[in-house]
PDB file of N, CA and C in Angstrom:
ATOM      1  N   MET A   1      49.870  92.591 100.045  1.00  0.00           N
ATOM      2  CA  MET A   1      49.945  93.806 100.808  1.00  0.00           C
ATOM      3  C   MET A   1      49.990  93.464 102.293  1.00  0.00           C
ATOM      4  N   THR A   2      50.854  94.174 103.026  1.00  0.00           N
ATOM      5  CA  THR A   2      50.985  93.887 104.452  1.00  0.00           C
ATOM      6  C   THR A   2      50.132  94.847 105.259  1.00  0.00           C
ATOM      7  N   LYS A   3      49.763  94.380 106.393  1.00  0.00           N
ATOM      8  CA  LYS A   3      48.957  95.175 107.295  1.00  0.00           C
ATOM      9  C   LYS A   3      49.849  96.163 108.055  1.00  0.00           C
ATOM     10  N   PRO A   4      49.424  97.444 108.250  1.00  0.00           N
ATOM     11  CA  PRO A   4      50.240  98.385 109.008  1.00  0.00           C
ATOM     12  C   PRO A   4      50.429  97.907 110.441  1.00  0.00           C
ATOM     13  N   SER A   5      51.564  98.226 110.990  1.00  0.00           N
ATOM     14  CA  SER A   5      51.898  97.811 112.347  1.00  0.00           C
ATOM     15  C   SER A   5      51.080  98.608 113.353  1.00  0.00           C
ATOM     16  N   VAL A   6      50.680  97.965 114.396  1.00  0.00           N
ATOM     17  CA  VAL A   6      49.949  98.631 115.471  1.00  0.00           C
ATOM     18  C   VAL A   6      50.915  99.502 116.276  1.00  0.00           C
ATOM     19  N   PHE A   7      52.185  99.131 116.297  1.00  0.00           N
ATOM     20  CA  PHE A   7      53.201  99.843 117.075  1.00  0.00           C
ATOM     21  C   PHE A   7      53.408 101.271 116.559  1.00  0.00           C
ATOM     22  N   PHE A   8      53.467 101.468 115.244  1.00  0.00           N
ATOM     23  CA  PHE A   8      53.786 102.771 114.659  1.00  0.00           C
ATOM     24  C   PHE A   8      52.780 103.851 115.053  1.00  0.00           C
ATOM     25  N   PRO A   9      51.454 103.634 114.906  1.00  0.00           N
ATOM     26  CA  PRO A   9      50.510 104.698 115.271  1.00  0.00           C
ATOM     27  C   PRO A   9      50.583 105.093 116.740  1.00  0.00           C
ATOM     28  N   THR A  10      50.958 104.197 117.636  1.00  0.00           N
ATOM     29  CA  THR A  10      51.046 104.559 119.053  1.00  0.00           C
ATOM     30  C   THR A  10      52.381 105.209 119.376  1.00  0.00           C
ATOM     31  N   LEU A  11      53.404 104.955 118.579  1.00  0.00           N
ATOM     32  CA  LEU A  11      54.721 105.539 118.812  1.00  0.00           C
ATOM     33  C   LEU A  11      54.745 107.024 118.449  1.00  0.00           C
ATOM     34  N   VAL A  12      54.126 107.401 117.342  1.00  0.00           N
ATOM     35  CA  VAL A  12      54.159 108.792 116.884  1.00  0.00           C
ATOM     36  C   VAL A  12      53.551 109.740 117.916  1.00  0.00           C
ATOM     37  N   PRO A  13      52.341 109.481 118.435  1.00  0.00           N
ATOM     38  CA  PRO A  13      51.803 110.398 119.454  1.00  0.00           C
ATOM     39  C   PRO A  13      52.680 110.447 120.704  1.00  0.00           C
ATOM     40  N   ALA A  14      53.268 109.347 121.087  1.00  0.00           N
ATOM     41  CA  ALA A  14      54.132 109.331 122.271  1.00  0.00           C
ATOM     42  C   ALA A  14      55.377 110.188 122.039  1.00  0.00           C
ATOM     43  N   LEU A  15      55.957 110.088 120.850  1.00  0.00           N
ATOM     44  CA  LEU A  15      57.124 110.916 120.525  1.00  0.00           C
ATOM     45  C   LEU A  15      56.735 112.387 120.453  1.00  0.00           C
ATOM     46  N   ALA A  16      55.587 112.660 119.897  1.00  0.00           N
ATOM     47  CA  ALA A  16      55.122 114.044 119.797  1.00  0.00           C
ATOM     48  C   ALA A  16      54.923 114.643 121.184  1.00  0.00           C
ATOM     49  N   ARG A  17      54.301 113.864 122.097  1.00  0.00           N
ATOM     50  CA  ARG A  17      54.111 114.354 123.468  1.00  0.00           C
ATOM     51  C   ARG A  17      55.451 114.600 124.148  1.00  0.00           C
ATOM     52  N   ALA A  18      56.397 113.710 123.962  1.00  0.00           N
ATOM     53  CA  ALA A  18      57.721 113.859 124.574  1.00  0.00           C
ATOM     54  C   ALA A  18      58.427 115.104 124.040  1.00  0.00           C
ATOM     55  N   LEU A  19      58.294 115.335 122.730  1.00  0.00           N
ATOM     56  CA  LEU A  19      58.914 116.507 122.121  1.00  0.00           C
ATOM     57  C   LEU A  19      58.285 117.790 122.653  1.00  0.00           C
ATOM     58  N   VAL A  20      56.958 117.820 122.770  1.00  0.00           N
ATOM     59  CA  VAL A  20      56.267 118.991 123.297  1.00  0.00           C
ATOM     60  C   VAL A  20      56.693 119.256 124.743  1.00  0.00           C
ATOM     61  N   LEU A  21      56.785 118.218 125.546  1.00  0.00           N
ATOM     62  CA  LEU A  21      57.208 118.381 126.933  1.00  0.00           C
ATOM     63  C   LEU A  21      58.642 118.905 127.017  1.00  0.00           C
ATOM     64  N   ALA A  22      59.533 118.384 126.174  1.00  0.00           N
ATOM     65  CA  ALA A  22      60.929 118.826 126.184  1.00  0.00           C
ATOM     66  C   ALA A  22      61.026 120.289 125.764  1.00  0.00           C
ATOM     67  N   LEU A  23      60.297 120.678 124.722  1.00  0.00           N
ATOM     68  CA  LEU A  23      60.327 122.068 124.269  1.00  0.00           C
ATOM     69  C   LEU A  23      59.732 123.008 125.309  1.00  0.00           C
ATOM     70  N   THR A  24      58.659 122.605 125.953  1.00  0.00           N
ATOM     71  CA  THR A  24      58.028 123.416 126.992  1.00  0.00           C
ATOM     72  C   THR A  24      59.004 123.627 128.151  1.00  0.00           C
ATOM     73  N   ALA A  25      59.675 122.563 128.566  1.00  0.00           N
ATOM     74  CA  ALA A  25      60.652 122.672 129.650  1.00  0.00           C
ATOM     75  C   ALA A  25      61.784 123.604 129.261  1.00  0.00           C
ATOM     76  N   ALA A  26      62.247 123.520 128.030  1.00  0.00           N
ATOM     77  CA  ALA A  26      63.339 124.383 127.565  1.00  0.00           C
ATOM     78  C   ALA A  26      62.913 125.845 127.564  1.00  0.00           C
ATOM     79  N   VAL A  27      61.689 126.133 127.114  1.00  0.00           N
ATOM     80  CA  VAL A  27      61.203 127.517 127.073  1.00  0.00           C
ATOM     81  C   VAL A  27      61.067 128.071 128.482  1.00  0.00           C
ATOM     82  N   PHE A  28      60.486 127.301 129.395  1.00  0.00           N
ATOM     83  CA  PHE A  28      60.315 127.794 130.756  1.00  0.00           C
ATOM     84  C   PHE A  28      61.657 127.962 131.458  1.00  0.00           C
ATOM     85  N   THR A  29      62.623 127.109 131.190  1.00  0.00           N
ATOM     86  CA  THR A  29      63.950 127.242 131.781  1.00  0.00           C
ATOM     87  C   THR A  29      64.624 128.506 131.273  1.00  0.00           C
ATOM     88  N   ALA A  30      64.563 128.765 129.970  1.00  0.00           N
ATOM     89  CA  ALA A  30      65.177 129.965 129.403  1.00  0.00           C
ATOM     90  C   ALA A  30      64.498 131.214 129.941  1.00  0.00           C
ATOM     91  N   THR A  31      63.171 131.184 130.082  1.00  0.00           N
ATOM     92  CA  THR A  31      62.443 132.330 130.596  1.00  0.00           C
ATOM     93  C   THR A  31      62.806 132.590 132.051  1.00  0.00           C
ATOM     94  N   ALA A  32      62.964 131.552 132.821  1.00  0.00           N
ATOM     95  CA  ALA A  32      63.267 131.702 134.236  1.00  0.00           C
ATOM     96  C   ALA A  32      64.669 132.256 134.455  1.00  0.00           C
ATOM     97  N   THR A  33      65.609 131.995 133.552  1.00  0.00           N
ATOM     98  CA  THR A  33      66.974 132.452 133.745  1.00  0.00           C
ATOM     99  C   THR A  33      67.241 133.801 133.095  1.00  0.00           C
ATOM    100  N   ALA A  34      66.343 134.308 132.265  1.00  0.00           N
ATOM    101  CA  ALA A  34      66.541 135.599 131.609  1.00  0.00           C
ATOM    102  C   ALA A  34      66.375 136.707 132.636  1.00  0.00           C
ATOM    103  N   LYS A  35      67.263 137.717 132.556  1.00  0.00           N
ATOM    104  CA  LYS A  35      67.191 138.846 133.478  1.00  0.00           C
ATOM    105  C   LYS A  35      66.495 140.015 132.792  1.00  0.00           C
ATOM    106  N   PRO A  36      65.607 140.691 133.500  1.00  0.00           N
ATOM    107  CA  PRO A  36      65.005 141.885 132.921  1.00  0.00           C
ATOM    108  C   PRO A  36      66.047 142.999 132.833  1.00  0.00           C
ATOM    109  N   LEU A  37      65.839 143.921 131.900  1.00  0.00           N
ATOM    110  CA  LEU A  37      66.773 145.017 131.695  1.00  0.00           C
ATOM    111  C   LEU A  37      66.972 145.818 132.974  1.00  0.00           C
ATOM    112  N   SER A  38      65.921 146.032 133.739  1.00  0.00           N
ATOM    113  CA  SER A  38      66.039 146.814 134.974  1.00  0.00           C
ATOM    114  C   SER A  38      67.021 146.165 135.949  1.00  0.00           C
ATOM    115  N   ARG A  39      67.028 144.836 136.022  1.00  0.00           N
ATOM    116  CA  ARG A  39      67.961 144.137 136.917  1.00  0.00           C
ATOM    117  C   ARG A  39      69.386 144.226 136.385  1.00  0.00           C
ATOM    118  N   ILE A  40      69.543 144.101 135.070  1.00  0.00           N
ATOM    119  CA  ILE A  40      70.872 144.214 134.464  1.00  0.00           C
ATOM    120  C   ILE A  40      71.447 145.592 134.764  1.00  0.00           C
ATOM    121  N   LEU A  41      70.637 146.638 134.568  1.00  0.00           N
ATOM    122  CA  LEU A  41      71.101 148.000 134.836  1.00  0.00           C
ATOM    123  C   LEU A  41      71.385 148.210 136.317  1.00  0.00           C
ATOM    124  N   ALA A  42      70.538 147.654 137.182  1.00  0.00           N
ATOM    125  CA  ALA A  42      70.740 147.812 138.630  1.00  0.00           C
ATOM    126  C   ALA A  42      72.037 147.142 139.081  1.00  0.00           C
ATOM    127  N   GLN A  43      72.441 146.060 138.417  1.00  0.00           N
ATOM    128  CA  GLN A  43      73.664 145.350 138.779  1.00  0.00           C
ATOM    129  C   GLN A  43      74.894 145.918 138.084  1.00  0.00           C
ATOM    130  N   SER A  44      74.713 146.877 137.207  1.00  0.00           N
ATOM    131  CA  SER A  44      75.817 147.488 136.480  1.00  0.00           C
ATOM    132  C   SER A  44      76.539 148.474 137.391  1.00  0.00           C
ATOM    133  N   PRO A  45      77.849 148.584 137.251  1.00  0.00           N
ATOM    134  CA  PRO A  45      78.573 149.590 138.037  1.00  0.00           C
ATOM    135  C   PRO A  45      78.346 151.011 137.502  1.00  0.00           C
ATOM    136  N   LEU A  46      77.717 151.136 136.331  1.00  0.00           N
ATOM    137  CA  LEU A  46      77.423 152.447 135.765  1.00  0.00           C
ATOM    138  C   LEU A  46      76.182 153.024 136.435  1.00  0.00           C
ATOM    139  N   GLN A  47      76.209 154.322 136.689  1.00  0.00           N
ATOM    140  CA  GLN A  47      75.115 155.021 137.351  1.00  0.00           C
ATOM    141  C   GLN A  47      74.247 155.726 136.311  1.00  0.00           C
ATOM    142  N   PRO A  48      73.037 156.155 136.682  1.00  0.00           N
ATOM    143  CA  PRO A  48      72.171 156.844 135.724  1.00  0.00           C
ATOM    144  C   PRO A  48      72.847 158.039 135.042  1.00  0.00           C
ATOM    145  N   GLY A  49      73.623 158.812 135.774  1.00  0.00           N
ATOM    146  CA  GLY A  49      74.333 159.942 135.179  1.00  0.00           C
ATOM    147  C   GLY A  49      75.352 159.501 134.139  1.00  0.00           C
ATOM    148  N   ASP A  50      75.937 158.299 134.345  1.00  0.00           N
ATOM    149  CA  ASP A  50      76.882 157.750 133.369  1.00  0.00           C
ATOM    150  C   ASP A  50      76.154 157.432 132.069  1.00  0.00           C
ATOM    151  N   PHE A  51      74.974 156.822 132.191  1.00  0.00           N
ATOM    152  CA  PHE A  51      74.190 156.494 130.998  1.00  0.00           C
ATOM    153  C   PHE A  51      73.777 157.765 130.258  1.00  0.00           C
ATOM    154  N   ASN A  52      73.463 158.824 131.014  1.00  0.00           N
ATOM    155  CA  ASN A  52      73.109 160.099 130.374  1.00  0.00           C
ATOM    156  C   ASN A  52      74.291 160.643 129.570  1.00  0.00           C
ATOM    157  N   ALA A  53      75.495 160.563 130.142  1.00  0.00           N
ATOM    158  CA  ALA A  53      76.692 161.039 129.434  1.00  0.00           C
ATOM    159  C   ALA A  53      76.967 160.174 128.201  1.00  0.00           C
ATOM    160  N   MET A  54      76.741 158.873 128.325  1.00  0.00           N
ATOM    161  CA  MET A  54      76.936 157.968 127.187  1.00  0.00           C
ATOM    162  C   MET A  54      75.946 158.298 126.069  1.00  0.00           C
ATOM    163  N   ARG A  55      74.691 158.536 126.434  1.00  0.00           N
ATOM    164  CA  ARG A  55      73.674 158.860 125.423  1.00  0.00           C
ATOM    165  C   ARG A  55      73.979 160.192 124.739  1.00  0.00           C
ATOM    166  N   ALA A  56      74.489 161.163 125.498  1.00  0.00           N
ATOM    167  CA  ALA A  56      74.844 162.455 124.899  1.00  0.00           C
ATOM    168  C   ALA A  56      75.981 162.277 123.888  1.00  0.00           C
ATOM    169  N   ALA A  57      76.950 161.414 124.204  1.00  0.00           N
ATOM    170  CA  ALA A  57      78.056 161.143 123.271  1.00  0.00           C
ATOM    171  C   ALA A  57      77.537 160.441 122.024  1.00  0.00           C
ATOM    172  N   GLU A  58      76.612 159.495 122.198  1.00  0.00           N
ATOM    173  CA  GLU A  58      75.999 158.825 121.039  1.00  0.00           C
ATOM    174  C   GLU A  58      75.298 159.838 120.142  1.00  0.00           C
ATOM    175  N   ALA A  59      74.514 160.713 120.756  1.00  0.00           N
ATOM    176  CA  ALA A  59      73.753 161.711 119.991  1.00  0.00           C
ATOM    177  C   ALA A  59      74.686 162.651 119.234  1.00  0.00           C
ATOM    178  N   ALA A  60      75.827 162.985 119.853  1.00  0.00           N
ATOM    179  CA  ALA A  60      76.790 163.849 119.167  1.00  0.00           C
ATOM    180  C   ALA A  60      77.294 163.182 117.895  1.00  0.00           C
ATOM    181  N   LEU A  61      77.407 161.863 117.917  1.00  0.00           N
ATOM    182  CA  LEU A  61      77.865 161.141 116.725  1.00  0.00           C
ATOM    183  C   LEU A  61      76.758 161.011 115.690  1.00  0.00           C
ATOM    184  N   TYR A  62      75.609 160.465 116.088  1.00  0.00           N
ATOM    185  CA  TYR A  62      74.594 160.203 115.061  1.00  0.00           C
ATOM    186  C   TYR A  62      73.910 161.460 114.550  1.00  0.00           C
ATOM    187  N   ASN A  63      74.001 162.554 115.286  1.00  0.00           N
ATOM    188  CA  ASN A  63      73.426 163.809 114.790  1.00  0.00           C
ATOM    189  C   ASN A  63      74.400 164.602 113.925  1.00  0.00           C
ATOM    190  N   HIS A  64      75.652 164.181 113.872  1.00  0.00           N
ATOM    191  CA  HIS A  64      76.641 164.879 113.046  1.00  0.00           C
ATOM    192  C   HIS A  64      76.447 164.449 111.600  1.00  0.00           C
ATOM    193  N   PRO A  65      76.201 165.397 110.683  1.00  0.00           N
ATOM    194  CA  PRO A  65      75.879 165.028 109.297  1.00  0.00           C
ATOM    195  C   PRO A  65      76.999 164.278 108.565  1.00  0.00           C
ATOM    196  N   GLY A  66      78.248 164.533 108.883  1.00  0.00           N
ATOM    197  CA  GLY A  66      79.343 163.882 108.159  1.00  0.00           C
ATOM    198  C   GLY A  66      80.024 162.785 108.948  1.00  0.00           C
ATOM    199  N   VAL A  67      79.308 162.160 109.877  1.00  0.00           N
ATOM    200  CA  VAL A  67      79.935 161.133 110.716  1.00  0.00           C
ATOM    201  C   VAL A  67      80.438 159.976 109.858  1.00  0.00           C
ATOM    202  N   LYS A  68      81.635 159.477 110.199  1.00  0.00           N
ATOM    203  CA  LYS A  68      82.261 158.392 109.441  1.00  0.00           C
ATOM    204  C   LYS A  68      82.647 157.263 110.379  1.00  0.00           C
ATOM    205  N   VAL A  69      82.860 156.089 109.798  1.00  0.00           N
ATOM    206  CA  VAL A  69      83.369 154.963 110.571  1.00  0.00           C
ATOM    207  C   VAL A  69      84.716 155.382 111.152  1.00  0.00           C
ATOM    208  N   GLY A  70      84.898 155.128 112.428  1.00  0.00           N
ATOM    209  CA  GLY A  70      86.121 155.517 113.117  1.00  0.00           C
ATOM    210  C   GLY A  70      85.969 156.790 113.929  1.00  0.00           C
ATOM    211  N   SER A  71      84.924 157.589 113.649  1.00  0.00           N
ATOM    212  CA  SER A  71      84.673 158.797 114.445  1.00  0.00           C
ATOM    213  C   SER A  71      84.375 158.400 115.881  1.00  0.00           C
ATOM    214  N   SER A  72      84.808 159.226 116.825  1.00  0.00           N
ATOM    215  CA  SER A  72      84.555 158.904 118.232  1.00  0.00           C
ATOM    216  C   SER A  72      84.346 160.165 119.046  1.00  0.00           C
ATOM    217  N   VAL A  73      83.695 160.006 120.180  1.00  0.00           N
ATOM    218  CA  VAL A  73      83.445 161.087 121.126  1.00  0.00           C
ATOM    219  C   VAL A  73      83.734 160.542 122.520  1.00  0.00           C
ATOM    220  N   LYS A  74      84.493 161.320 123.294  1.00  0.00           N
ATOM    221  CA  LYS A  74      84.756 160.939 124.686  1.00  0.00           C
ATOM    222  C   LYS A  74      83.663 161.523 125.577  1.00  0.00           C
ATOM    223  N   TRP A  75      83.411 160.839 126.683  1.00  0.00           N
ATOM    224  CA  TRP A  75      82.440 161.321 127.651  1.00  0.00           C
ATOM    225  C   TRP A  75      82.998 161.138 129.058  1.00  0.00           C
ATOM    226  N   THR A  76      82.494 161.917 129.977  1.00  0.00           N
ATOM    227  CA  THR A  76      82.913 161.803 131.372  1.00  0.00           C
ATOM    228  C   THR A  76      81.771 162.229 132.288  1.00  0.00           C
ATOM    229  N   ASN A  77      81.739 161.650 133.453  1.00  0.00           N
ATOM    230  CA  ASN A  77      80.785 162.035 134.482  1.00  0.00           C
ATOM    231  C   ASN A  77      81.592 162.367 135.736  1.00  0.00           C
ATOM    232  N   PRO A  78      81.830 163.642 136.000  1.00  0.00           N
ATOM    233  CA  PRO A  78      82.646 164.023 137.151  1.00  0.00           C
ATOM    234  C   PRO A  78      82.055 163.599 138.498  1.00  0.00           C
ATOM    235  N   GLU A  79      80.742 163.408 138.550  1.00  0.00           N
ATOM    236  CA  GLU A  79      80.096 163.004 139.812  1.00  0.00           C
ATOM    237  C   GLU A  79      80.471 161.581 140.215  1.00  0.00           C
ATOM    238  N   THR A  80      80.760 160.710 139.242  1.00  0.00           N
ATOM    239  CA  THR A  80      81.058 159.305 139.558  1.00  0.00           C
ATOM    240  C   THR A  80      82.479 158.903 139.164  1.00  0.00           C
ATOM    241  N   ALA A  81      83.198 159.790 138.506  1.00  0.00           N
ATOM    242  CA  ALA A  81      84.545 159.525 137.962  1.00  0.00           C
ATOM    243  C   ALA A  81      84.498 158.529 136.801  1.00  0.00           C
ATOM    244  N   SER A  82      83.310 158.190 136.336  1.00  0.00           N
ATOM    245  CA  SER A  82      83.185 157.305 135.174  1.00  0.00           C
ATOM    246  C   SER A  82      83.522 158.092 133.922  1.00  0.00           C
ATOM    247  N   HIS A  83      84.113 157.402 132.957  1.00  0.00           N
ATOM    248  CA  HIS A  83      84.439 158.047 131.691  1.00  0.00           C
ATOM    249  C   HIS A  83      84.521 156.979 130.609  1.00  0.00           C
ATOM    250  N   GLY A  84      84.619 157.427 129.373  1.00  0.00           N
ATOM    251  CA  GLY A  84      84.731 156.479 128.283  1.00  0.00           C
ATOM    252  C   GLY A  84      84.729 157.150 126.936  1.00  0.00           C
ATOM    253  N   LYS A  85      84.535 156.317 125.936  1.00  0.00           N
ATOM    254  CA  LYS A  85      84.545 156.784 124.559  1.00  0.00           C
ATOM    255  C   LYS A  85      83.554 155.935 123.789  1.00  0.00           C
ATOM    256  N   VAL A  86      82.852 156.554 122.846  1.00  0.00           N
ATOM    257  CA  VAL A  86      81.966 155.834 121.942  1.00  0.00           C
ATOM    258  C   VAL A  86      82.487 156.066 120.529  1.00  0.00           C
ATOM    259  N   LYS A  87      82.537 154.985 119.775  1.00  0.00           N
ATOM    260  CA  LYS A  87      83.134 155.011 118.436  1.00  0.00           C
ATOM    261  C   LYS A  87      82.181 154.402 117.421  1.00  0.00           C
ATOM    262  N   VAL A  88      82.145 154.989 116.223  1.00  0.00           N
ATOM    263  CA  VAL A  88      81.345 154.436 115.128  1.00  0.00           C
ATOM    264  C   VAL A  88      82.119 153.254 114.554  1.00  0.00           C
ATOM    265  N   MET A  89      81.534 152.075 114.647  1.00  0.00           N
ATOM    266  CA  MET A  89      82.178 150.851 114.161  1.00  0.00           C
ATOM    267  C   MET A  89      81.747 150.503 112.738  1.00  0.00           C
ATOM    268  N   ALA A  90      80.517 150.868 112.392  1.00  0.00           N
ATOM    269  CA  ALA A  90      80.001 150.558 111.050  1.00  0.00           C
ATOM    270  C   ALA A  90      78.884 151.534 110.714  1.00  0.00           C
ATOM    271  N   LYS A  91      78.748 151.777 109.435  1.00  0.00           N
ATOM    272  CA  LYS A  91      77.677 152.630 108.926  1.00  0.00           C
ATOM    273  C   LYS A  91      77.070 151.890 107.748  1.00  0.00           C
ATOM    274  N   GLN A  92      75.772 151.581 107.878  1.00  0.00           N
ATOM    275  CA  GLN A  92      75.106 150.819 106.826  1.00  0.00           C
ATOM    276  C   GLN A  92      73.740 151.429 106.591  1.00  0.00           C
ATOM    277  N   GLY A  93      73.577 152.031 105.420  1.00  0.00           N
ATOM    278  CA  GLY A  93      72.309 152.687 105.111  1.00  0.00           C
ATOM    279  C   GLY A  93      72.055 153.806 106.101  1.00  0.00           C
ATOM    280  N   ASN A  94      70.911 153.748 106.768  1.00  0.00           N
ATOM    281  CA  ASN A  94      70.563 154.777 107.747  1.00  0.00           C
ATOM    282  C   ASN A  94      70.856 154.323 109.183  1.00  0.00           C
ATOM    283  N   CYS A  95      71.756 153.354 109.337  1.00  0.00           N
ATOM    284  CA  CYS A  95      72.071 152.811 110.658  1.00  0.00           C
ATOM    285  C   CYS A  95      73.549 152.995 111.003  1.00  0.00           C
ATOM    286  N   LEU A  96      73.806 153.169 112.294  1.00  0.00           N
ATOM    287  CA  LEU A  96      75.166 153.266 112.816  1.00  0.00           C
ATOM    288  C   LEU A  96      75.355 152.235 113.913  1.00  0.00           C
ATOM    289  N   ALA A  97      76.440 151.480 113.835  1.00  0.00           N
ATOM    290  CA  ALA A  97      76.826 150.564 114.902  1.00  0.00           C
ATOM    291  C   ALA A  97      77.864 151.281 115.756  1.00  0.00           C
ATOM    292  N   LEU A  98      77.578 151.411 117.039  1.00  0.00           N
ATOM    293  CA  LEU A  98      78.453 152.128 117.958  1.00  0.00           C
ATOM    294  C   LEU A  98      79.022 151.171 118.998  1.00  0.00           C
ATOM    295  N   LYS A  99      80.226 151.476 119.463  1.00  0.00           N
ATOM    296  CA  LYS A  99      80.843 150.680 120.527  1.00  0.00           C
ATOM    297  C   LYS A  99      81.338 151.624 121.615  1.00  0.00           C
ATOM    298  N   HIS A 100      80.864 151.380 122.816  1.00  0.00           N
ATOM    299  CA  HIS A 100      81.316 152.141 123.975  1.00  0.00           C
ATOM    300  C   HIS A 100      82.444 151.387 124.659  1.00  0.00           C
ATOM    301  N   GLN A 101      83.414 152.136 125.132  1.00  0.00           N
ATOM    302  CA  GLN A 101      84.403 151.622 126.068  1.00  0.00           C
ATOM    303  C   GLN A 101      84.230 152.486 127.305  1.00  0.00           C
ATOM    304  N   ALA A 102      83.676 151.899 128.349  1.00  0.00           N
ATOM    305  CA  ALA A 102      83.348 152.640 129.560  1.00  0.00           C
ATOM    306  C   ALA A 102      84.214 152.178 130.719  1.00  0.00           C
ATOM    307  N   TYR A 103      84.607 153.141 131.542  1.00  0.00           N
ATOM    308  CA  TYR A 103      85.387 152.885 132.749  1.00  0.00           C
ATOM    309  C   TYR A 103      84.561 153.382 133.939  1.00  0.00           C
ATOM    310  N   PRO A 104      83.698 152.512 134.499  1.00  0.00           N
ATOM    311  CA  PRO A 104      82.813 152.935 135.593  1.00  0.00           C
ATOM    312  C   PRO A 104      83.604 153.326 136.837  1.00  0.00           C
ATOM    313  N   GLY A 105      83.225 154.437 137.426  1.00  0.00           N
ATOM    314  CA  GLY A 105      83.836 154.874 138.684  1.00  0.00           C
ATOM    315  C   GLY A 105      85.335 155.068 138.596  1.00  0.00           C
ATOM    316  N   GLY A 106      85.850 155.297 137.404  1.00  0.00           N
ATOM    317  CA  GLY A 106      87.292 155.487 137.233  1.00  0.00           C
ATOM    318  C   GLY A 106      88.093 154.196 137.298  1.00  0.00           C
ATOM    319  N   GLU A 107      87.415 153.052 137.253  1.00  0.00           N
ATOM    320  CA  GLU A 107      88.107 151.753 137.299  1.00  0.00           C
ATOM    321  C   GLU A 107      89.057 151.613 136.114  1.00  0.00           C
ATOM    322  N   ALA A 108      90.030 150.746 136.273  1.00  0.00           N
ATOM    323  CA  ALA A 108      90.965 150.464 135.178  1.00  0.00           C
ATOM    324  C   ALA A 108      90.372 149.461 134.186  1.00  0.00           C
ATOM    325  N   GLN A 109      89.409 148.651 134.653  1.00  0.00           N
ATOM    326  CA  GLN A 109      88.808 147.626 133.795  1.00  0.00           C
ATOM    327  C   GLN A 109      87.761 148.256 132.876  1.00  0.00           C
ATOM    328  N   VAL A 110      87.929 148.030 131.579  1.00  0.00           N
ATOM    329  CA  VAL A 110      87.008 148.591 130.596  1.00  0.00           C
ATOM    330  C   VAL A 110      85.778 147.695 130.455  1.00  0.00           C
ATOM    331  N   ARG A 111      84.647 148.317 130.207  1.00  0.00           N
ATOM    332  CA  ARG A 111      83.396 147.609 129.916  1.00  0.00           C
ATOM    333  C   ARG A 111      83.000 147.998 128.498  1.00  0.00           C
ATOM    334  N   ASP A 112      82.836 147.024 127.642  1.00  0.00           N
ATOM    335  CA  ASP A 112      82.434 147.271 126.253  1.00  0.00           C
ATOM    336  C   ASP A 112      80.928 147.136 126.123  1.00  0.00           C
ATOM    337  N   VAL A 113      80.331 148.084 125.440  1.00  0.00           N
ATOM    338  CA  VAL A 113      78.893 148.059 125.194  1.00  0.00           C
ATOM    339  C   VAL A 113      78.673 148.388 123.726  1.00  0.00           C
ATOM    340  N   ALA A 114      77.998 147.497 123.007  1.00  0.00           N
ATOM    341  CA  ALA A 114      77.697 147.722 121.588  1.00  0.00           C
ATOM    342  C   ALA A 114      76.232 148.109 121.457  1.00  0.00           C
ATOM    343  N   ARG A 115      75.982 149.109 120.601  1.00  0.00           N
ATOM    344  CA  ARG A 115      74.610 149.565 120.361  1.00  0.00           C
ATOM    345  C   ARG A 115      74.474 149.929 118.893  1.00  0.00           C
ATOM    346  N   LYS A 116      73.268 149.800 118.389  1.00  0.00           N
ATOM    347  CA  LYS A 116      72.999 150.140 116.994  1.00  0.00           C
ATOM    348  C   LYS A 116      71.799 151.071 116.937  1.00  0.00           C
ATOM    349  N   PHE A 117      71.944 152.160 116.196  1.00  0.00           N
ATOM    350  CA  PHE A 117      70.878 153.137 116.020  1.00  0.00           C
ATOM    351  C   PHE A 117      70.542 153.249 114.542  1.00  0.00           C
ATOM    352  N   CYS A 118      69.255 153.400 114.252  1.00  0.00           N
ATOM    353  CA  CYS A 118      68.812 153.607 112.872  1.00  0.00           C
ATOM    354  C   CYS A 118      67.914 154.838 112.828  1.00  0.00           C
ATOM    355  N   LYS A 119      68.066 155.601 111.754  1.00  0.00           N
ATOM    356  CA  LYS A 119      67.284 156.816 111.571  1.00  0.00           C
ATOM    357  C   LYS A 119      65.977 156.470 110.865  1.00  0.00           C
ATOM    358  N   THR A 120      64.873 156.924 111.439  1.00  0.00           N
ATOM    359  CA  THR A 120      63.561 156.652 110.860  1.00  0.00           C
ATOM    360  C   THR A 120      63.269 157.642 109.735  1.00  0.00           C
ATOM    361  N   SER A 121      62.197 157.394 109.033  1.00  0.00           N
ATOM    362  CA  SER A 121      61.827 158.270 107.907  1.00  0.00           C
ATOM    363  C   SER A 121      61.477 159.685 108.367  1.00  0.00           C
ATOM    364  N   ASP A 122      61.082 159.838 109.635  1.00  0.00           N
ATOM    365  CA  ASP A 122      60.778 161.180 110.139  1.00  0.00           C
ATOM    366  C   ASP A 122      61.988 161.842 110.815  1.00  0.00           C
ATOM    367  N   GLY A 123      63.176 161.227 110.665  1.00  0.00           N
ATOM    368  CA  GLY A 123      64.406 161.855 111.142  1.00  0.00           C
ATOM    369  C   GLY A 123      64.812 161.549 112.568  1.00  0.00           C
ATOM    370  N   LYS A 124      64.086 160.672 113.258  1.00  0.00           N
ATOM    371  CA  LYS A 124      64.425 160.317 114.641  1.00  0.00           C
ATOM    372  C   LYS A 124      65.362 159.107 114.644  1.00  0.00           C
ATOM    373  N   TRP A 125      66.286 159.105 115.595  1.00  0.00           N
ATOM    374  CA  TRP A 125      67.208 157.974 115.753  1.00  0.00           C
ATOM    375  C   TRP A 125      66.649 157.045 116.820  1.00  0.00           C
ATOM    376  N   LEU A 126      66.539 155.766 116.473  1.00  0.00           N
ATOM    377  CA  LEU A 126      66.019 154.767 117.392  1.00  0.00           C
ATOM    378  C   LEU A 126      67.066 153.715 117.683  1.00  0.00           C
ATOM    379  N   LEU A 127      67.139 153.312 118.940  1.00  0.00           N
ATOM    380  CA  LEU A 127      68.016 152.217 119.329  1.00  0.00           C
ATOM    381  C   LEU A 127      67.394 150.922 118.835  1.00  0.00           C
ATOM    382  N   THR A 128      68.148 150.174 118.029  1.00  0.00           N
ATOM    383  CA  THR A 128      67.610 148.927 117.477  1.00  0.00           C
ATOM    384  C   THR A 128      68.283 147.698 118.062  1.00  0.00           C
ATOM    385  N   GLU A 129      69.471 147.837 118.603  1.00  0.00           N
ATOM    386  CA  GLU A 129      70.185 146.714 119.250  1.00  0.00           C
ATOM    387  C   GLU A 129      70.940 147.228 120.435  1.00  0.00           C
TER     388      GLU A 129
END
């Protein structure tokens, strides 16, 4: 029978420490670069009134009892010239996947926004994605 190497027991803790340090650095780097939702919204060309119009269009779809994949509702905000359309992309169980095509401030460039809503057991629709 051979004697265990002295090198192996000292190598494992060193590798473990290196792995922990690498993972810690990765987590802190990802956390430091993540933007809070408030900053994302503040940097968006869409205004609060635009989001209100978008939410009203979403509600018109998910509150409609016979909504189907492909159904859509247009929205507009005359105060900002923003407009767009929200379309049902998928329906799975009590959930709807919606896709917005928004034109902030009347721009020609479209902004796509995907959202998913699910209906709870008490009948409320919640944003899940």
